[in-house]
């Protein structure tokens, strides 16, 4: 009987000691975000000021190793606090965390660790594109794109199609891994008379790949079918443009690049020259759907 009482007493003392630990709760987990990065969310509560050692690893590589002291007071109706570690890059997808509570500050006695906590299976996509455009200037189509980050990325393959079948027209190598914004460009000589479609194939080091959205440019020669009338024109008169597609922006610029007037295309594409002095100017028409640009010169005199 004495042994039983002694055992229960020791169990109670042990439980009382562990009750003084930093208390990690569910849901504490590692999640994969839509941008390809991981996030560790720790849910917890404590009694008094206590600390938690956090060790996050990608395979054998340490991503985070720190100890933080709780200073959270949950706001009703919440009864617990959270600590979040975001923007965690792990190309292999083999991400894990071990959490070691303390009874007080970071130098106090440690309690049994929590974990390892593993992230979801599967590695993130190698690249996140933030922009991708294709713009025709005469027989050259300029293709440009930006990335927010790259994980074990190998290369970009620029593909184009005049019909439904895409084929490679160029390859641009990447830096492999990057967590900062990167810009790329490629010029394609394209004298196709019909519409052309472009896309990017984003290739990973392990051979997997994804495709970008598709961009469309009009055929060579078609974009030059805009007529400016009258030209030359008188100051303070009106100028009309024939052949401008809907959803276009029309700008009047001087040759220093200063924009003097901007209008959106309508069924009656015209703008007045009130206040425009004698000289030669540039009319720039930008198709908002295909991003194609048409440049025309305009002479103004009296």
Foldseek 3Di string as FASTA:
>chain_A
DVVVVVVVVVVVVVVVQCLLKWAWDPPFAWEQDPQQKIKTKTKTDHDPKWKKWKWKAQVPHTPDTDMDIDPDDDDPPDPIDMDMDIPHAHQQQFMWMKMWIASHYPPHDIDDIDDRHTYDDDGGAFWAWPDWAWEDDAQKIKIKTKTQWGAQWFKKFKWKDQPPDIDTDDIGGDPRTDNHMDMDMDMDGHQFQAKMKIKIWTAGNVGDTDIDDIAIDGHRPLLAPKDWPPAQEEAQAKIWIPNADAQKKKFKAAPVGDTDDIDHDDPTGMDTRHPPAFDKIWIWIARPRRRYIDIDIGGYDD
